[in-house]
Amino acid sequence: MTEPGTIDYLKIIPNNPKYTCIDLFAGAGGLSLGLHWAGFRSKLAVEFDKAAADTYDANFGSLISRQENGCPS
């Protein structure tokens, strides 16, 4: 059972996304979140700032390509 007020309870994110996208200048992922709510799924995110890329990864998983030193590429 889902808790009232959660995304699952409100059924905001569709189970079967219809579209795919990439997020350029991704930041922490605000655009990706809105796109997910609209039925899109991100395949790639581009962000140069390491702190923003780390936040995006925490929110959405590792969609940002990184160099060996952990910095976004």
Protein backbone atom coordinates (compact mmCIF):
# COMPACT_ATOMS: atom_id res chain seq x y z
CA MET A 1 0.00 0.00 0.00
CA THR A 2 1.31 3.44 -0.83
CA GLU A 3 1.33 6.41 1.53
CA PRO A 4 -0.97 9.37 0.77
CA GLY A 5 0.96 12.28 -0.73
CA THR A 6 3.68 10.16 -2.36
CA ILE A 7 4.32 10.14 -6.09
CA ASP A 8 3.12 6.53 -6.32
CA TYR A 9 -0.10 7.38 -4.48
CA LEU A 10 -0.78 10.38 -6.72
CA LYS A 11 0.11 8.36 -9.84
CA ILE A 12 2.11 11.31 -11.20
CA ILE A 13 4.80 9.28 -12.98
CA PRO A 14 3.38 6.98 -15.67
CA ASN A 15 4.35 3.30 -15.49
CA ASN A 16 5.00 3.04 -19.23
CA PRO A 17 6.80 6.14 -20.52
CA LYS A 18 5.94 7.07 -24.10
CA TYR A 19 8.94 9.22 -24.93
CA THR A 20 12.69 9.38 -24.34
CA CYS A 21 14.83 12.50 -23.98
CA ILE A 22 18.25 13.84 -23.06
CA ASP A 23 18.76 16.61 -20.52
CA LEU A 24 21.33 19.22 -21.57
CA PHE A 25 22.64 21.57 -18.83
CA ALA A 26 20.95 19.17 -16.41
CA GLY A 27 21.78 20.83 -13.09
CA ALA A 28 20.19 18.86 -10.24
CA GLY A 29 17.52 17.47 -12.56
CA GLY A 30 14.49 19.73 -12.25
CA LEU A 31 13.72 19.50 -15.96
CA SER A 32 14.19 15.72 -15.89
CA LEU A 33 11.72 15.46 -13.01
CA GLY A 34 9.10 17.45 -14.90
CA LEU A 35 9.69 15.42 -18.03
CA HIS A 36 9.35 12.17 -16.05
CA TRP A 37 6.02 13.41 -14.69
CA ALA A 38 4.94 14.10 -18.29
CA GLY A 39 5.79 10.56 -19.42
CA PHE A 40 9.37 10.95 -20.67
CA ARG A 41 12.43 8.93 -19.61
CA SER A 42 15.92 10.41 -19.74
CA LYS A 43 18.59 8.39 -21.54
CA LEU A 44 21.45 10.85 -21.03
CA ALA A 45 22.18 13.97 -19.00
CA VAL A 46 24.91 16.54 -19.64
CA GLU A 47 26.24 18.65 -16.77
CA PHE A 48 29.71 20.18 -16.40
CA ASP A 49 29.54 21.22 -12.72
CA LYS A 50 30.66 18.34 -10.49
CA ALA A 51 28.39 19.21 -7.52
CA ALA A 52 25.33 19.50 -9.77
CA ALA A 53 26.24 16.24 -11.53
CA ASP A 54 26.59 14.48 -8.16
CA THR A 55 23.14 15.74 -7.15
CA TYR A 56 21.64 14.61 -10.47
CA ASP A 57 23.17 11.16 -9.98
CA ALA A 58 21.70 10.95 -6.48
CA ASN A 59 18.26 11.91 -7.80
CA PHE A 60 18.12 9.93 -11.05
CA GLY A 61 21.00 7.46 -11.20
CA SER A 62 24.18 7.59 -13.25
CA LEU A 63 23.11 9.06 -16.58
CA ILE A 64 26.01 11.54 -16.70
CA SER A 65 29.23 10.43 -18.42
CA ARG A 66 32.27 10.90 -16.14
CA GLN A 67 36.04 10.95 -16.50
CA GLU A 68 38.30 8.65 -14.46
CA ASN A 69 38.70 11.37 -11.78
CA GLY A 70 34.90 11.48 -11.28
CA CYS A 71 34.40 14.83 -13.00
CA PRO A 72 31.69 15.05 -15.65
CA SER A 73 33.01 14.75 -19.20
